[in-house]
Amino acid sequence: MSVSIQLAFKIAVYLLVLDGVAALVVGGLLSPAGSLLMFLAVAGSWWGEQLRTRSRRVPALWQALTL
């Protein structure tokens, strides 16, 4: 099985973010509802990146959504 370096890096970064969210939940600093919102934001980020690379015609939309 062969995985590109870019995909391996992307997966590692997302796992680190999810690990941080899990640490906040276990530490009692983030509610279950907050953790759900964070998970949805991470999932949306993964999906949004793929969409953003396909549609370079609307950079203003992605800049507005990022802010």
N, C-alpha and C. Protein backbone atom coordinates (compact mmCIF):
# COMPACT_ATOMS: atom_id res chain seq x y z
N MET A 1 0.84 -1.17 0.00
CA MET A 1 0.00 0.00 0.00
C MET A 1 0.89 1.24 0.00
N SER A 2 0.57 2.16 -0.87
CA SER A 2 1.37 3.37 -1.00
C SER A 2 0.51 4.60 -0.71
N VAL A 3 1.03 5.45 0.16
CA VAL A 3 0.34 6.68 0.53
C VAL A 3 1.25 7.84 0.20
N SER A 4 0.72 8.86 -0.45
CA SER A 4 1.54 10.02 -0.78
C SER A 4 1.91 10.77 0.50
N ILE A 5 2.99 11.50 0.42
CA ILE A 5 3.46 12.27 1.58
C ILE A 5 2.43 13.33 1.96
N GLN A 6 1.82 13.94 0.97
CA GLN A 6 0.82 14.98 1.25
C GLN A 6 -0.37 14.41 2.00
N LEU A 7 -0.85 13.24 1.58
CA LEU A 7 -1.99 12.63 2.26
C LEU A 7 -1.62 12.20 3.67
N ALA A 8 -0.42 11.63 3.83
CA ALA A 8 0.03 11.22 5.16
C ALA A 8 0.14 12.42 6.09
N PHE A 9 0.66 13.53 5.59
CA PHE A 9 0.77 14.74 6.41
C PHE A 9 -0.62 15.27 6.78
N LYS A 10 -1.53 15.28 5.82
CA LYS A 10 -2.89 15.76 6.07
C LYS A 10 -3.58 14.91 7.13
N ILE A 11 -3.44 13.60 7.02
CA ILE A 11 -4.05 12.70 8.01
C ILE A 11 -3.44 12.93 9.38
N ALA A 12 -2.11 13.09 9.43
CA ALA A 12 -1.44 13.31 10.72
C ALA A 12 -1.90 14.61 11.37
N VAL A 13 -2.05 15.66 10.60
CA VAL A 13 -2.50 16.94 11.15
C VAL A 13 -3.92 16.84 11.68
N TYR A 14 -4.81 16.21 10.92
CA TYR A 14 -6.19 16.07 11.37
C TYR A 14 -6.28 15.20 12.62
N LEU A 15 -5.45 14.15 12.70
CA LEU A 15 -5.45 13.32 13.91
C LEU A 15 -4.95 14.11 15.12
N LEU A 16 -3.97 14.97 14.93
CA LEU A 16 -3.49 15.79 16.03
C LEU A 16 -4.57 16.77 16.51
N VAL A 17 -5.30 17.34 15.58
CA VAL A 17 -6.39 18.25 15.95
C VAL A 17 -7.47 17.50 16.72
N LEU A 18 -7.85 16.33 16.23
CA LEU A 18 -8.87 15.54 16.92
C LEU A 18 -8.38 15.07 18.29
N ASP A 19 -7.09 14.78 18.40
CA ASP A 19 -6.52 14.41 19.69
C ASP A 19 -6.60 15.58 20.67
N GLY A 20 -6.35 16.78 20.20
CA GLY A 20 -6.48 17.96 21.04
C GLY A 20 -7.90 18.19 21.50
N VAL A 21 -8.86 17.99 20.60
CA VAL A 21 -10.27 18.13 20.97
C VAL A 21 -10.65 17.08 22.01
N ALA A 22 -10.17 15.86 21.82
CA ALA A 22 -10.45 14.80 22.79
C ALA A 22 -9.86 15.13 24.15
N ALA A 23 -8.67 15.71 24.17
CA ALA A 23 -8.05 16.11 25.44
C ALA A 23 -8.88 17.18 26.14
N LEU A 24 -9.42 18.12 25.37
CA LEU A 24 -10.27 19.15 25.97
C LEU A 24 -11.55 18.56 26.54
N VAL A 25 -12.11 17.58 25.86
CA VAL A 25 -13.34 16.94 26.36
C VAL A 25 -13.03 16.16 27.63
N VAL A 26 -11.97 15.37 27.62
CA VAL A 26 -11.61 14.57 28.79
C VAL A 26 -11.27 15.47 29.97
N GLY A 27 -10.64 16.59 29.69
CA GLY A 27 -10.29 17.53 30.77
C GLY A 27 -11.47 18.33 31.27
N GLY A 28 -12.62 18.19 30.66
CA GLY A 28 -13.80 18.91 31.09
C GLY A 28 -13.85 20.36 30.63
N LEU A 29 -13.02 20.73 29.67
CA LEU A 29 -12.98 22.10 29.19
C LEU A 29 -13.86 22.34 27.97
N LEU A 30 -14.39 21.25 27.43
CA LEU A 30 -15.25 21.35 26.25
C LEU A 30 -16.44 20.42 26.45
N SER A 31 -17.61 20.97 26.28
CA SER A 31 -18.82 20.17 26.47
C SER A 31 -19.00 19.18 25.33
N PRO A 32 -19.85 18.19 25.51
CA PRO A 32 -20.13 17.26 24.41
C PRO A 32 -20.69 17.97 23.17
N ALA A 33 -21.52 18.98 23.39
CA ALA A 33 -22.04 19.73 22.24
C ALA A 33 -20.92 20.49 21.54
N GLY A 34 -20.01 21.05 22.32
CA GLY A 34 -18.87 21.74 21.74
C GLY A 34 -17.96 20.80 20.98
N SER A 35 -17.79 19.58 21.51
CA SER A 35 -16.96 18.62 20.80
C SER A 35 -17.61 18.18 19.50
N LEU A 36 -18.92 18.08 19.49
CA LEU A 36 -19.63 17.74 18.26
C LEU A 36 -19.44 18.85 17.22
N LEU A 37 -19.54 20.09 17.65
CA LEU A 37 -19.32 21.21 16.73
C LEU A 37 -17.89 21.21 16.20
N MET A 38 -16.92 20.91 17.05
CA MET A 38 -15.53 20.85 16.61
C MET A 38 -15.33 19.73 15.61
N PHE A 39 -15.94 18.57 15.88
CA PHE A 39 -15.83 17.45 14.95
C PHE A 39 -16.43 17.81 13.60
N LEU A 40 -17.58 18.47 13.61
CA LEU A 40 -18.21 18.89 12.35
C LEU A 40 -17.35 19.92 11.62
N ALA A 41 -16.70 20.80 12.38
CA ALA A 41 -15.82 21.79 11.76
C ALA A 41 -14.61 21.12 11.11
N VAL A 42 -14.05 20.12 11.78
CA VAL A 42 -12.92 19.40 11.21
C VAL A 42 -13.35 18.64 9.96
N ALA A 43 -14.49 17.96 10.03
CA ALA A 43 -14.99 17.23 8.86
C ALA A 43 -15.30 18.20 7.72
N GLY A 44 -15.89 19.33 8.05
CA GLY A 44 -16.17 20.34 7.03
C GLY A 44 -14.91 20.90 6.43
N SER A 45 -13.88 21.03 7.23
CA SER A 45 -12.60 21.52 6.74
C SER A 45 -12.01 20.55 5.74
N TRP A 46 -12.08 19.26 6.03
CA TRP A 46 -11.55 18.24 5.11
C TRP A 46 -12.31 18.32 3.78
N TRP A 47 -13.64 18.41 3.86
CA TRP A 47 -14.46 18.47 2.66
C TRP A 47 -14.25 19.80 1.93
N GLY A 48 -14.16 20.88 2.68
CA GLY A 48 -13.99 22.20 2.08
C GLY A 48 -12.68 22.34 1.34
N GLU A 49 -11.64 21.68 1.83
CA GLU A 49 -10.35 21.74 1.14
C GLU A 49 -10.43 21.11 -0.23
N GLN A 50 -11.09 19.98 -0.32
CA GLN A 50 -11.25 19.32 -1.62
C GLN A 50 -12.07 20.19 -2.58
N LEU A 51 -13.09 20.80 -2.06
CA LEU A 51 -13.93 21.66 -2.89
C LEU A 51 -13.16 22.91 -3.32
N ARG A 52 -12.38 23.45 -2.41
CA ARG A 52 -11.62 24.67 -2.70
C ARG A 52 -10.59 24.42 -3.80
N THR A 53 -9.94 23.27 -3.80
CA THR A 53 -8.95 22.99 -4.84
C THR A 53 -9.60 22.80 -6.20
N ARG A 54 -10.85 22.36 -6.23
CA ARG A 54 -11.55 22.18 -7.50
C ARG A 54 -12.09 23.49 -8.05
N SER A 55 -12.42 24.42 -7.20
CA SER A 55 -13.07 25.66 -7.66
C SER A 55 -12.21 26.86 -7.33
N ARG A 56 -11.23 27.08 -8.12
CA ARG A 56 -10.35 28.25 -7.94
C ARG A 56 -11.00 29.52 -8.47
N ARG A 57 -12.19 29.42 -9.03
CA ARG A 57 -12.84 30.59 -9.63
C ARG A 57 -13.49 31.49 -8.59
N VAL A 58 -13.73 31.02 -7.41
CA VAL A 58 -14.41 31.84 -6.40
C VAL A 58 -13.55 31.99 -5.14
N PRO A 59 -12.38 32.58 -5.25
CA PRO A 59 -11.53 32.71 -4.06
C PRO A 59 -12.12 33.65 -3.01
N ALA A 60 -12.91 34.63 -3.43
CA ALA A 60 -13.49 35.55 -2.46
C ALA A 60 -14.46 34.84 -1.53
N LEU A 61 -15.19 33.86 -2.05
CA LEU A 61 -16.11 33.09 -1.22
C LEU A 61 -15.35 32.35 -0.14
N TRP A 62 -14.25 31.68 -0.50
CA TRP A 62 -13.47 30.92 0.50
C TRP A 62 -12.80 31.85 1.49
N GLN A 63 -12.38 33.02 1.06
CA GLN A 63 -11.79 33.97 2.00
C GLN A 63 -12.83 34.45 3.00
N ALA A 64 -14.04 34.69 2.53
CA ALA A 64 -15.10 35.13 3.43
C ALA A 64 -15.47 34.02 4.41
N LEU A 65 -15.54 32.76 3.94
CA LEU A 65 -15.87 31.66 4.82
C LEU A 65 -14.77 31.39 5.85
N THR A 66 -13.53 31.66 5.46
CA THR A 66 -12.40 31.45 6.38
C THR A 66 -12.45 32.45 7.52
N LEU A 67 -12.83 33.67 7.22
CA LEU A 67 -12.89 34.70 8.25
C LEU A 67 -14.06 34.44 9.15
